């Protein structure tokens, strides 16, 4: 196996996890001061979208979703450079950004469109 092959995807929300983090994000979203394109794609008003789970199952690459306060050091380092939200590709060589904030925003909450982008980038650029 090529050391550059993507073995896992890591999605990082632009929000903290836990009850307080989630509440702060929702309050900021209501006030118009917070936004996370990845949150819009993976979640509806109350819970994770079923179509997200189906897309991930069909993708063929495991996907981890993390909040800002849950990032391990290697993820934190990449996110410091590319920003959050982001979807990162994990390989034996490390992590690299695959889809970043403005691109996620442009997908306008569409699970199907993110799935298309991920499949295309994984097929075109396995390294």
Protein backbone atom coordinates (compact mmCIF):
# COMPACT_ATOMS: atom_id res chain seq x y z
CA UNK A 1 0.00 0.00 0.00
CA UNK A 2 1.22 3.50 -0.88
CA UNK A 3 2.14 5.53 2.23
CA UNK A 4 0.20 8.42 0.69
CA UNK A 5 -3.08 6.51 0.35
CA UNK A 6 -5.93 8.03 2.32
CA UNK A 7 -6.87 5.70 5.16
CA UNK A 8 -9.28 7.97 7.01
CA UNK A 9 -10.97 11.36 6.79
CA UNK A 10 -11.16 13.74 9.72
CA UNK A 11 -13.87 16.39 9.73
CA UNK A 12 -13.32 19.27 12.13
CA UNK A 13 -16.23 21.48 13.11
CA UNK A 14 -15.72 25.17 13.83
CA UNK A 15 -17.29 24.71 17.25
CA UNK A 16 -16.49 23.23 20.65
CA UNK A 17 -18.15 20.00 21.72
CA UNK A 18 -20.05 19.18 24.86
CA UNK A 19 -23.25 20.74 26.10
CA UNK A 20 -21.79 24.22 26.68
CA UNK A 21 -19.94 24.27 23.37
CA UNK A 22 -23.00 23.15 21.45
CA UNK A 23 -25.21 25.68 23.25
CA UNK A 24 -22.73 28.50 22.53
CA UNK A 25 -22.67 27.54 18.85
CA UNK A 26 -26.47 27.41 18.57
CA UNK A 27 -26.79 30.77 20.33
CA UNK A 28 -24.18 32.28 18.02
CA UNK A 29 -25.90 30.83 14.98
CA UNK A 30 -29.26 32.29 16.06
CA UNK A 31 -27.59 35.69 16.60
CA UNK A 32 -25.78 35.44 13.26
CA UNK A 33 -22.31 35.52 14.83
CA UNK A 34 -21.34 31.85 14.32
CA UNK A 35 -21.37 29.60 11.30
CA UNK A 36 -19.86 26.21 10.44
CA UNK A 37 -20.26 24.86 6.91
CA UNK A 38 -19.47 21.31 8.06
CA UNK A 39 -22.13 21.53 10.80
CA UNK A 40 -24.66 22.58 8.14
CA UNK A 41 -23.75 19.54 6.04
CA UNK A 42 -23.74 16.90 8.77
CA UNK A 43 -26.60 18.12 10.96
CA UNK A 44 -30.18 19.23 10.61
CA UNK A 45 -31.92 21.34 13.22
CA UNK A 46 -31.72 18.74 15.97
CA UNK A 47 -29.59 15.75 15.00
CA UNK A 48 -27.21 14.29 12.45
CA UNK A 49 -28.72 13.91 9.00
CA UNK A 50 -29.45 10.29 8.00
CA UNK A 51 -28.14 11.06 4.51
CA UNK A 52 -24.77 11.92 6.10
CA UNK A 53 -24.54 8.44 7.62
CA UNK A 54 -25.50 6.86 4.27
CA UNK A 55 -22.92 8.91 2.36
CA UNK A 56 -20.15 7.98 4.81
CA UNK A 57 -21.09 4.30 4.59
CA UNK A 58 -20.91 4.46 0.78
CA UNK A 59 -17.66 6.45 0.73
CA UNK A 60 -15.46 3.49 1.63
CA UNK A 61 -13.17 5.56 3.87
CA UNK A 62 -13.84 5.91 7.61
CA UNK A 63 -14.74 9.44 8.73
CA UNK A 64 -14.10 10.87 12.19
CA UNK A 65 -15.85 14.09 13.23
CA UNK A 66 -14.19 16.28 15.86
CA UNK A 67 -14.93 19.55 17.58
CA UNK A 68 -12.22 22.15 18.19
CA UNK A 69 -11.78 21.07 21.82
CA UNK A 70 -11.41 17.39 20.82
CA UNK A 71 -8.51 17.65 18.37
CA UNK A 72 -5.36 15.59 18.94
CA UNK A 73 -2.06 17.45 18.37
CA UNK A 74 -1.56 16.37 14.74
CA UNK A 75 -5.06 17.52 13.76
CA UNK A 76 -4.63 20.76 15.74
CA UNK A 77 -1.43 21.52 13.81
CA UNK A 78 -3.07 21.13 10.38
CA UNK A 79 -6.20 23.04 11.42
CA UNK A 80 -3.99 25.88 12.72
CA UNK A 81 -2.70 26.23 9.15
CA UNK A 82 -5.90 25.68 7.11
CA UNK A 83 -8.60 26.79 9.55
CA UNK A 84 -11.85 25.19 10.64
CA UNK A 85 -14.15 23.82 9.50
CA UNK A 86 -12.24 21.41 7.33
CA UNK A 87 -12.12 17.84 6.13
CA UNK A 88 -8.62 16.38 6.37
CA UNK A 89 -7.17 13.29 4.70
CA UNK A 90 -5.12 10.99 6.92
CA UNK A 91 -2.36 8.92 5.31
CA UNK A 92 0.64 7.05 6.66
CA UNK A 93 2.59 10.24 5.90
CA UNK A 94 0.31 12.40 8.04
CA UNK A 95 -2.64 14.73 7.52
CA UNK A 96 -3.48 17.21 4.77
CA UNK A 97 -6.49 19.43 4.05
CA UNK A 98 -8.93 17.96 1.54
CA UNK A 99 -11.88 20.39 1.76
CA UNK A 100 -11.66 23.70 3.65
CA UNK A 101 -14.05 26.32 5.03
CA UNK A 102 -15.03 28.39 1.97
CA UNK A 103 -15.49 25.20 -0.06
CA UNK A 104 -17.72 23.72 2.65
CA UNK A 105 -19.77 26.93 2.76
CA UNK A 106 -20.22 26.81 -1.02
CA UNK A 107 -21.87 23.38 -0.70
CA UNK A 108 -24.79 25.06 1.12
CA UNK A 109 -25.44 22.21 3.54
CA UNK A 110 -25.64 19.51 0.86
CA UNK A 111 -24.47 16.06 1.94
CA UNK A 112 -24.66 14.82 -1.67
CA UNK A 113 -22.46 17.64 -2.97
CA UNK A 114 -19.82 17.04 -0.28
CA UNK A 115 -19.91 13.34 -1.12
CA UNK A 116 -19.28 14.18 -4.78
CA UNK A 117 -16.36 16.46 -3.86
CA UNK A 118 -14.82 13.88 -1.54
CA UNK A 119 -15.12 11.04 -4.06
CA UNK A 120 -13.63 13.19 -6.82
CA UNK A 121 -10.69 14.35 -4.69
CA UNK A 122 -9.99 10.88 -3.35
CA UNK A 123 -10.02 9.45 -6.89
CA UNK A 124 -8.02 12.26 -8.50
CA UNK A 125 -5.47 12.81 -5.77
CA UNK A 126 -4.82 9.73 -3.71
CA UNK A 127 -1.54 11.25 -2.55
